[in-house]
Amino acid sequence: MTPFPFLRKREADTSGQSAEAADDAFPTEVADADEGTTFFGNPLVRSLIAASFFIILVSFAASFFFVIRGSDGTIVLHFNVYFGVDIVGSPWQALLIPGMALLFLLLNVAIAYRFYAVRERVAAHILLFASFLAALSAGVVTAALSFINS
């Protein structure tokens, strides 16, 4: 048995249907492979949303505990290797990074839900993966801010 069932040829079944007719019906069968699965019932959708939300939650916690709570005046918001500190700002501005990642996640989940409802599952998965990458980027930036401001 091949690990990719959509790549193998279908044999004629016992109902007398020819192999060519069986091959003609095959692409719709692949497209309907997850027909009964709801949006939040899909394991890929659940894992991408959960991982993104967890990373954003950790970013909020790191922003609060390492950046905001430890400073009273201004904090470094951007550090460049060549020029040093470029941008300084208020401590609350460190929350904008995970906040924008959360907004991006919520918008993409809403759009992906609509795409999934009209059977554009690949587009829905791409949107959710983009949200995961944005959350991961926000986590890296928050870690850098925590390191620079501690």
N, C-alpha and C. Protein backbone atom coordinates (compact mmCIF):
# COMPACT_ATOMS: atom_id res chain seq x y z
N MET A 1 0.84 -1.18 0.00
CA MET A 1 0.00 0.00 0.00
C MET A 1 0.88 1.24 0.00
N THR A 2 0.59 2.17 -0.86
CA THR A 2 1.39 3.37 -0.98
C THR A 2 1.02 4.38 0.11
N PRO A 3 1.97 5.16 0.60
CA PRO A 3 1.64 6.16 1.62
C PRO A 3 0.83 7.32 1.05
N PHE A 4 0.77 7.44 -0.27
CA PHE A 4 0.01 8.51 -0.91
C PHE A 4 -1.12 7.88 -1.73
N PRO A 5 -2.27 7.67 -1.11
CA PRO A 5 -3.34 6.97 -1.82
C PRO A 5 -3.88 7.75 -3.01
N PHE A 6 -3.68 9.05 -3.05
CA PHE A 6 -4.20 9.82 -4.18
C PHE A 6 -3.33 9.68 -5.42
N LEU A 7 -2.14 9.05 -5.30
CA LEU A 7 -1.26 8.87 -6.44
C LEU A 7 -1.44 7.53 -7.14
N ARG A 8 -2.09 6.58 -6.50
CA ARG A 8 -2.21 5.26 -7.12
C ARG A 8 -3.43 5.21 -8.02
N LYS A 9 -3.37 4.35 -8.99
CA LYS A 9 -4.46 4.17 -9.94
C LYS A 9 -5.57 3.34 -9.29
N ARG A 10 -6.77 3.66 -9.66
CA ARG A 10 -7.90 2.90 -9.14
C ARG A 10 -8.24 1.77 -10.10
N GLU A 11 -8.58 0.66 -9.53
CA GLU A 11 -9.00 -0.49 -10.31
C GLU A 11 -10.51 -0.41 -10.54
N ALA A 12 -10.96 -1.10 -11.57
CA ALA A 12 -12.40 -1.14 -11.84
C ALA A 12 -13.07 -1.93 -10.73
N ASP A 13 -14.20 -1.43 -10.27
CA ASP A 13 -14.90 -2.14 -9.21
C ASP A 13 -15.81 -3.22 -9.80
N THR A 14 -16.54 -3.89 -8.93
CA THR A 14 -17.35 -5.03 -9.37
C THR A 14 -18.66 -4.60 -10.00
N SER A 15 -18.98 -3.32 -10.00
CA SER A 15 -20.27 -2.90 -10.57
C SER A 15 -20.23 -2.82 -12.09
N GLY A 16 -19.11 -3.16 -12.70
CA GLY A 16 -19.02 -3.14 -14.15
C GLY A 16 -18.52 -1.81 -14.69
N GLN A 17 -18.13 -0.91 -13.81
CA GLN A 17 -17.63 0.40 -14.25
C GLN A 17 -16.21 0.22 -14.76
N SER A 18 -15.88 0.86 -15.86
CA SER A 18 -14.54 0.72 -16.43
C SER A 18 -13.51 1.48 -15.60
N ALA A 19 -12.24 1.18 -15.82
CA ALA A 19 -11.17 1.85 -15.10
C ALA A 19 -11.10 3.33 -15.45
N GLU A 20 -11.43 3.69 -16.70
CA GLU A 20 -11.40 5.10 -17.09
C GLU A 20 -12.48 5.89 -16.36
N ALA A 21 -13.65 5.30 -16.22
CA ALA A 21 -14.72 5.98 -15.51
C ALA A 21 -14.39 6.11 -14.03
N ALA A 22 -13.71 5.11 -13.48
CA ALA A 22 -13.29 5.19 -12.08
C ALA A 22 -12.25 6.28 -11.90
N ASP A 23 -11.34 6.45 -12.87
CA ASP A 23 -10.34 7.51 -12.78
C ASP A 23 -10.97 8.88 -12.92
N ASP A 24 -12.07 9.00 -13.69
CA ASP A 24 -12.74 10.28 -13.82
C ASP A 24 -13.38 10.71 -12.50
N ALA A 25 -13.85 9.76 -11.72
CA ALA A 25 -14.49 10.08 -10.45
C ALA A 25 -13.47 10.29 -9.34
N PHE A 26 -12.23 9.97 -9.57
CA PHE A 26 -11.21 10.01 -8.53
C PHE A 26 -10.90 11.40 -7.99
N PRO A 27 -10.71 12.45 -8.80
CA PRO A 27 -10.36 13.76 -8.23
C PRO A 27 -11.40 14.32 -7.28
N THR A 28 -12.66 14.11 -7.52
CA THR A 28 -13.66 14.61 -6.58
C THR A 28 -13.60 13.83 -5.27
N GLU A 29 -13.21 12.57 -5.35
CA GLU A 29 -13.09 11.79 -4.13
C GLU A 29 -11.96 12.30 -3.25
N VAL A 30 -10.86 12.73 -3.86
CA VAL A 30 -9.75 13.30 -3.09
C VAL A 30 -10.17 14.63 -2.48
N ALA A 31 -10.89 15.44 -3.24
CA ALA A 31 -11.33 16.74 -2.72
C ALA A 31 -12.31 16.58 -1.57
N ASP A 32 -13.06 15.49 -1.56
CA ASP A 32 -14.05 15.27 -0.51
C ASP A 32 -13.51 14.42 0.63
N ALA A 33 -12.20 14.27 0.73
CA ALA A 33 -11.63 13.38 1.74
C ALA A 33 -11.93 13.86 3.16
N ASP A 34 -11.99 15.17 3.38
CA ASP A 34 -12.30 15.69 4.71
C ASP A 34 -13.65 16.40 4.72
N GLU A 35 -14.59 15.88 3.97
CA GLU A 35 -15.89 16.51 3.82
C GLU A 35 -16.65 16.60 5.13
N GLY A 36 -16.59 15.59 5.95
CA GLY A 36 -17.35 15.60 7.20
C GLY A 36 -16.68 16.33 8.33
N THR A 37 -15.47 16.81 8.14
CA THR A 37 -14.72 17.48 9.19
C THR A 37 -15.09 18.95 9.25
N THR A 38 -15.40 19.42 10.45
CA THR A 38 -15.68 20.84 10.62
C THR A 38 -14.37 21.62 10.72
N PHE A 39 -14.48 22.93 10.71
CA PHE A 39 -13.27 23.78 10.76
C PHE A 39 -12.49 23.54 12.03
N PHE A 40 -13.14 23.60 13.16
CA PHE A 40 -12.44 23.40 14.42
C PHE A 40 -12.26 21.92 14.75
N GLY A 41 -12.82 21.03 13.96
CA GLY A 41 -12.61 19.60 14.12
C GLY A 41 -11.37 19.11 13.39
N ASN A 42 -10.84 19.94 12.49
CA ASN A 42 -9.65 19.60 11.74
C ASN A 42 -8.43 19.69 12.66
N PRO A 43 -7.62 18.63 12.79
CA PRO A 43 -6.49 18.67 13.71
C PRO A 43 -5.42 19.68 13.33
N LEU A 44 -5.22 19.92 12.03
CA LEU A 44 -4.24 20.92 11.62
C LEU A 44 -4.68 22.32 12.03
N VAL A 45 -5.95 22.61 11.85
CA VAL A 45 -6.49 23.92 12.23
C VAL A 45 -6.37 24.11 13.74
N ARG A 46 -6.76 23.11 14.50
CA ARG A 46 -6.68 23.22 15.96
C ARG A 46 -5.25 23.40 16.44
N SER A 47 -4.32 22.65 15.87
CA SER A 47 -2.94 22.76 16.34
C SER A 47 -2.31 24.09 15.96
N LEU A 48 -2.60 24.61 14.77
CA LEU A 48 -2.05 25.91 14.39
C LEU A 48 -2.62 27.03 15.24
N ILE A 49 -3.91 27.00 15.51
CA ILE A 49 -4.51 28.04 16.35
C ILE A 49 -4.00 27.94 17.78
N ALA A 50 -3.92 26.73 18.31
CA ALA A 50 -3.45 26.55 19.69
C ALA A 50 -1.99 26.97 19.84
N ALA A 51 -1.14 26.59 18.90
CA ALA A 51 0.27 26.96 18.99
C ALA A 51 0.45 28.47 18.85
N SER A 52 -0.29 29.09 17.94
CA SER A 52 -0.20 30.54 17.77
C SER A 52 -0.68 31.26 19.03
N PHE A 53 -1.80 30.81 19.56
CA PHE A 53 -2.33 31.45 20.76
C PHE A 53 -1.39 31.27 21.95
N PHE A 54 -0.78 30.11 22.07
CA PHE A 54 0.18 29.88 23.17
C PHE A 54 1.39 30.78 23.05
N ILE A 55 1.93 30.93 21.84
CA ILE A 55 3.10 31.79 21.64
C ILE A 55 2.74 33.24 21.95
N ILE A 56 1.55 33.68 21.54
CA ILE A 56 1.13 35.06 21.81
C ILE A 56 0.92 35.26 23.31
N LEU A 57 0.37 34.29 23.99
CA LEU A 57 0.17 34.38 25.44
C LEU A 57 1.51 34.48 26.16
N VAL A 58 2.48 33.67 25.75
CA VAL A 58 3.82 33.74 26.34
C VAL A 58 4.47 35.09 26.04
N SER A 59 4.23 35.63 24.85
CA SER A 59 4.77 36.94 24.50
C SER A 59 4.18 38.04 25.36
N PHE A 60 2.87 37.97 25.61
CA PHE A 60 2.25 38.95 26.51
C PHE A 60 2.85 38.85 27.91
N ALA A 61 3.00 37.62 28.40
CA ALA A 61 3.56 37.43 29.75
C ALA A 61 5.01 37.93 29.81
N ALA A 62 5.81 37.64 28.80
CA ALA A 62 7.20 38.10 28.79
C ALA A 62 7.27 39.61 28.69
N SER A 63 6.40 40.20 27.88
CA SER A 63 6.37 41.66 27.78
C SER A 63 6.04 42.30 29.12
N PHE A 64 5.09 41.72 29.80
CA PHE A 64 4.69 42.30 31.09
C PHE A 64 5.76 42.09 32.16
N PHE A 65 6.24 40.86 32.33
CA PHE A 65 7.13 40.57 33.44
C PHE A 65 8.55 41.07 33.24
N PHE A 66 9.06 41.02 32.01
CA PHE A 66 10.45 41.39 31.80
C PHE A 66 10.65 42.81 31.29
N VAL A 67 9.67 43.35 30.60
CA VAL A 67 9.86 44.68 30.01
C VAL A 67 9.10 45.74 30.80
N ILE A 68 7.81 45.58 30.97
CA ILE A 68 6.99 46.63 31.58
C ILE A 68 7.22 46.73 33.08
N ARG A 69 7.20 45.62 33.76
CA ARG A 69 7.31 45.64 35.22
C ARG A 69 8.69 46.09 35.69
N GLY A 70 9.71 45.83 34.91
CA GLY A 70 11.07 46.17 35.33
C GLY A 70 11.51 47.58 34.98
N SER A 71 10.67 48.36 34.31
CA SER A 71 11.09 49.70 33.91
C SER A 71 10.11 50.74 34.42
N ASP A 72 10.63 51.93 34.64
CA ASP A 72 9.77 53.00 35.14
C ASP A 72 9.73 54.19 34.17
N GLY A 73 10.71 54.35 33.33
CA GLY A 73 10.75 55.48 32.41
C GLY A 73 10.56 55.05 30.98
N THR A 74 11.63 55.04 30.25
CA THR A 74 11.58 54.64 28.85
C THR A 74 12.30 53.30 28.67
N ILE A 75 11.93 52.62 27.61
CA ILE A 75 12.57 51.34 27.29
C ILE A 75 13.13 51.41 25.87
N VAL A 76 14.03 50.51 25.58
CA VAL A 76 14.59 50.40 24.24
C VAL A 76 13.62 49.57 23.41
N LEU A 77 13.17 50.14 22.29
CA LEU A 77 12.26 49.41 21.41
C LEU A 77 12.96 48.84 20.18
N HIS A 78 14.12 49.38 19.84
CA HIS A 78 14.87 48.87 18.69
C HIS A 78 16.34 49.09 18.93
N PHE A 79 17.11 48.06 18.65
CA PHE A 79 18.56 48.12 18.79
C PHE A 79 19.17 47.67 17.49
N ASN A 80 20.07 48.47 16.96
CA ASN A 80 20.75 48.15 15.72
C ASN A 80 22.22 47.87 16.04
N VAL A 81 22.80 46.90 15.39
CA VAL A 81 24.18 46.53 15.66
C VAL A 81 25.13 47.65 15.28
N TYR A 82 24.85 48.34 14.20
CA TYR A 82 25.75 49.39 13.72
C TYR A 82 25.58 50.70 14.49
N PHE A 83 24.36 51.09 14.80
CA PHE A 83 24.11 52.40 15.39
C PHE A 83 23.69 52.36 16.85
N GLY A 84 23.49 51.19 17.40
CA GLY A 84 23.07 51.08 18.79
C GLY A 84 21.57 51.24 18.93
N VAL A 85 21.17 51.98 19.96
CA VAL A 85 19.75 52.17 20.23
C VAL A 85 19.19 53.18 19.23
N ASP A 86 18.17 52.74 18.50
CA ASP A 86 17.52 53.61 17.51
C ASP A 86 16.24 54.22 18.04
N ILE A 87 15.41 53.41 18.67
CA ILE A 87 14.08 53.85 19.08
C ILE A 87 13.88 53.54 20.56
N VAL A 88 13.44 54.54 21.30
CA VAL A 88 13.05 54.34 22.69
C VAL A 88 11.58 54.74 22.80
N GLY A 89 10.91 54.24 23.82
CA GLY A 89 9.50 54.55 23.98
C GLY A 89 8.99 54.20 25.34
N SER A 90 7.70 54.30 25.50
CA SER A 90 7.04 53.97 26.77
C SER A 90 6.97 52.46 26.94
N PRO A 91 6.95 52.00 28.18
CA PRO A 91 6.89 50.55 28.40
C PRO A 91 5.64 49.88 27.84
N TRP A 92 4.50 50.57 27.80
CA TRP A 92 3.28 49.95 27.29
C TRP A 92 3.38 49.62 25.81
N GLN A 93 4.30 50.26 25.08
CA GLN A 93 4.43 50.00 23.66
C GLN A 93 4.98 48.61 23.36
N ALA A 94 5.57 47.98 24.36
CA ALA A 94 6.04 46.60 24.18
C ALA A 94 4.87 45.63 24.03
N LEU A 95 3.69 46.02 24.51
CA LEU A 95 2.51 45.17 24.37
C LEU A 95 1.89 45.25 22.98
N LEU A 96 2.31 46.21 22.17
CA LEU A 96 1.77 46.33 20.83
C LEU A 96 2.17 45.16 19.94
N ILE A 97 3.32 44.61 20.17
CA ILE A 97 3.81 43.51 19.31
C ILE A 97 2.95 42.26 19.47
N PRO A 98 2.79 41.72 20.69
CA PRO A 98 1.88 40.56 20.79
C PRO A 98 0.42 40.94 20.54
N GLY A 99 0.05 42.19 20.80
CA GLY A 99 -1.32 42.62 20.51
C GLY A 99 -1.63 42.60 19.03
N MET A 100 -0.70 43.06 18.21
CA MET A 100 -0.90 43.02 16.77
C MET A 100 -0.88 41.58 16.25
N ALA A 101 -0.06 40.74 16.85
CA ALA A 101 -0.05 39.33 16.45
C ALA A 101 -1.38 38.66 16.80
N LEU A 102 -1.96 39.02 17.94
CA LEU A 102 -3.26 38.48 18.32
C LEU A 102 -4.35 38.97 17.37
N LEU A 103 -4.31 40.25 17.01
CA LEU A 103 -5.28 40.78 16.06
C LEU A 103 -5.16 40.09 14.70
N PHE A 104 -3.93 39.88 14.26
CA PHE A 104 -3.68 39.18 13.00
C PHE A 104 -4.21 37.75 13.06
N LEU A 105 -4.02 37.08 14.18
CA LEU A 105 -4.52 35.72 14.35
C LEU A 105 -6.05 35.69 14.30
N LEU A 106 -6.69 36.59 15.01
CA LEU A 106 -8.16 36.59 15.04
C LEU A 106 -8.75 36.89 13.66
N LEU A 107 -8.16 37.85 12.95
CA LEU A 107 -8.66 38.16 11.61
C LEU A 107 -8.44 36.99 10.65
N ASN A 108 -7.28 36.37 10.73
CA ASN A 108 -7.00 35.25 9.83
C ASN A 108 -7.85 34.03 10.16
N VAL A 109 -8.18 33.81 11.43
CA VAL A 109 -9.06 32.70 11.78
C VAL A 109 -10.45 32.95 11.21
N ALA A 110 -10.93 34.19 11.29
CA ALA A 110 -12.25 34.50 10.74
C ALA A 110 -12.27 34.31 9.22
N ILE A 111 -11.24 34.78 8.54
CA ILE A 111 -11.18 34.61 7.09
C ILE A 111 -11.00 33.15 6.71
N ALA A 112 -10.15 32.44 7.45
CA ALA A 112 -9.93 31.02 7.17
C ALA A 112 -11.20 30.20 7.39
N TYR A 113 -12.00 30.59 8.37
CA TYR A 113 -13.27 29.91 8.61
C TYR A 113 -14.19 30.06 7.41
N ARG A 114 -14.23 31.25 6.83
CA ARG A 114 -15.05 31.47 5.64
C ARG A 114 -14.53 30.67 4.45
N PHE A 115 -13.20 30.65 4.28
CA PHE A 115 -12.62 29.86 3.19
C PHE A 115 -12.92 28.38 3.37
N TYR A 116 -12.81 27.90 4.60
CA TYR A 116 -13.06 26.48 4.87
C TYR A 116 -14.51 26.12 4.59
N ALA A 117 -15.42 27.07 4.84
CA ALA A 117 -16.84 26.81 4.62
C ALA A 117 -17.16 26.66 3.14
N VAL A 118 -16.40 27.33 2.27
CA VAL A 118 -16.65 27.22 0.83
C VAL A 118 -15.67 26.26 0.17
N ARG A 119 -15.10 25.36 0.97
CA ARG A 119 -14.24 24.26 0.52
C ARG A 119 -12.91 24.74 -0.08
N GLU A 120 -12.40 25.87 0.37
CA GLU A 120 -11.06 26.32 -0.01
C GLU A 120 -10.14 26.04 1.16
N ARG A 121 -9.90 24.75 1.40
CA ARG A 121 -9.17 24.34 2.59
C ARG A 121 -7.69 24.70 2.52
N VAL A 122 -7.10 24.68 1.36
CA VAL A 122 -5.68 25.02 1.23
C VAL A 122 -5.47 26.49 1.58
N ALA A 123 -6.35 27.35 1.11
CA ALA A 123 -6.24 28.78 1.43
C ALA A 123 -6.43 29.00 2.93
N ALA A 124 -7.34 28.27 3.55
CA ALA A 124 -7.55 28.39 4.98
C ALA A 124 -6.31 27.96 5.75
N HIS A 125 -5.69 26.87 5.33
CA HIS A 125 -4.48 26.40 6.01
C HIS A 125 -3.32 27.37 5.81
N ILE A 126 -3.21 27.97 4.63
CA ILE A 126 -2.15 28.95 4.40
C ILE A 126 -2.33 30.17 5.30
N LEU A 127 -3.56 30.64 5.45
CA LEU A 127 -3.81 31.77 6.34
C LEU A 127 -3.46 31.43 7.79
N LEU A 128 -3.80 30.25 8.23
CA LEU A 128 -3.49 29.87 9.60
C LEU A 128 -2.00 29.67 9.80
N PHE A 129 -1.31 29.16 8.78
CA PHE A 129 0.13 29.02 8.89
C PHE A 129 0.81 30.39 8.91
N ALA A 130 0.28 31.35 8.16
CA ALA A 130 0.81 32.72 8.19
C ALA A 130 0.62 33.33 9.58
N SER A 131 -0.51 33.05 10.21
CA SER A 131 -0.75 33.53 11.57
C SER A 131 0.24 32.91 12.55
N PHE A 132 0.53 31.63 12.35
CA PHE A 132 1.52 30.97 13.20
C PHE A 132 2.89 31.61 13.04
N LEU A 133 3.28 31.91 11.81
CA LEU A 133 4.58 32.55 11.59
C LEU A 133 4.62 33.96 12.16
N ALA A 134 3.51 34.68 12.10
CA ALA A 134 3.45 36.02 12.70
C ALA A 134 3.56 35.93 14.22
N ALA A 135 2.91 34.94 14.81
CA ALA A 135 3.00 34.75 16.26
C ALA A 135 4.42 34.35 16.66
N LEU A 136 5.04 33.52 15.86
CA LEU A 136 6.42 33.13 16.13
C LEU A 136 7.36 34.33 16.02
N SER A 137 7.15 35.17 15.04
CA SER A 137 7.95 36.38 14.89
C SER A 137 7.74 37.32 16.07
N ALA A 138 6.51 37.46 16.51
CA ALA A 138 6.23 38.29 17.68
C ALA A 138 6.92 37.73 18.92
N GLY A 139 6.97 36.42 19.04
CA GLY A 139 7.68 35.80 20.16
C GLY A 139 9.17 36.09 20.13
N VAL A 140 9.76 36.04 18.95
CA VAL A 140 11.20 36.33 18.82
C VAL A 140 11.48 37.79 19.15
N VAL A 141 10.63 38.68 18.65
CA VAL A 141 10.82 40.11 18.93
C VAL A 141 10.63 40.41 20.41
N THR A 142 9.66 39.79 21.03
CA THR A 142 9.44 39.99 22.46
C THR A 142 10.61 39.45 23.27
N ALA A 143 11.16 38.32 22.86
CA ALA A 143 12.34 37.79 23.54
C ALA A 143 13.53 38.74 23.40
N ALA A 144 13.69 39.33 22.21
CA ALA A 144 14.77 40.29 22.02
C ALA A 144 14.56 41.54 22.87
N LEU A 145 13.32 42.03 22.93
CA LEU A 145 13.04 43.20 23.78
C LEU A 145 13.29 42.88 25.25
N SER A 146 12.91 41.70 25.68
CA SER A 146 13.14 41.29 27.05
C SER A 146 14.63 41.22 27.36
N PHE A 147 15.39 40.71 26.42
CA PHE A 147 16.83 40.60 26.62
C PHE A 147 17.49 41.97 26.64
N ILE A 148 17.08 42.87 25.75
CA ILE A 148 17.70 44.19 25.67
C ILE A 148 17.34 45.03 26.88
N ASN A 149 16.13 44.93 27.38
CA ASN A 149 15.68 45.79 28.47
C ASN A 149 15.86 45.20 29.85
N SER A 150 16.50 44.07 29.98
CA SER A 150 16.71 43.52 31.33
C SER A 150 18.15 43.69 31.77
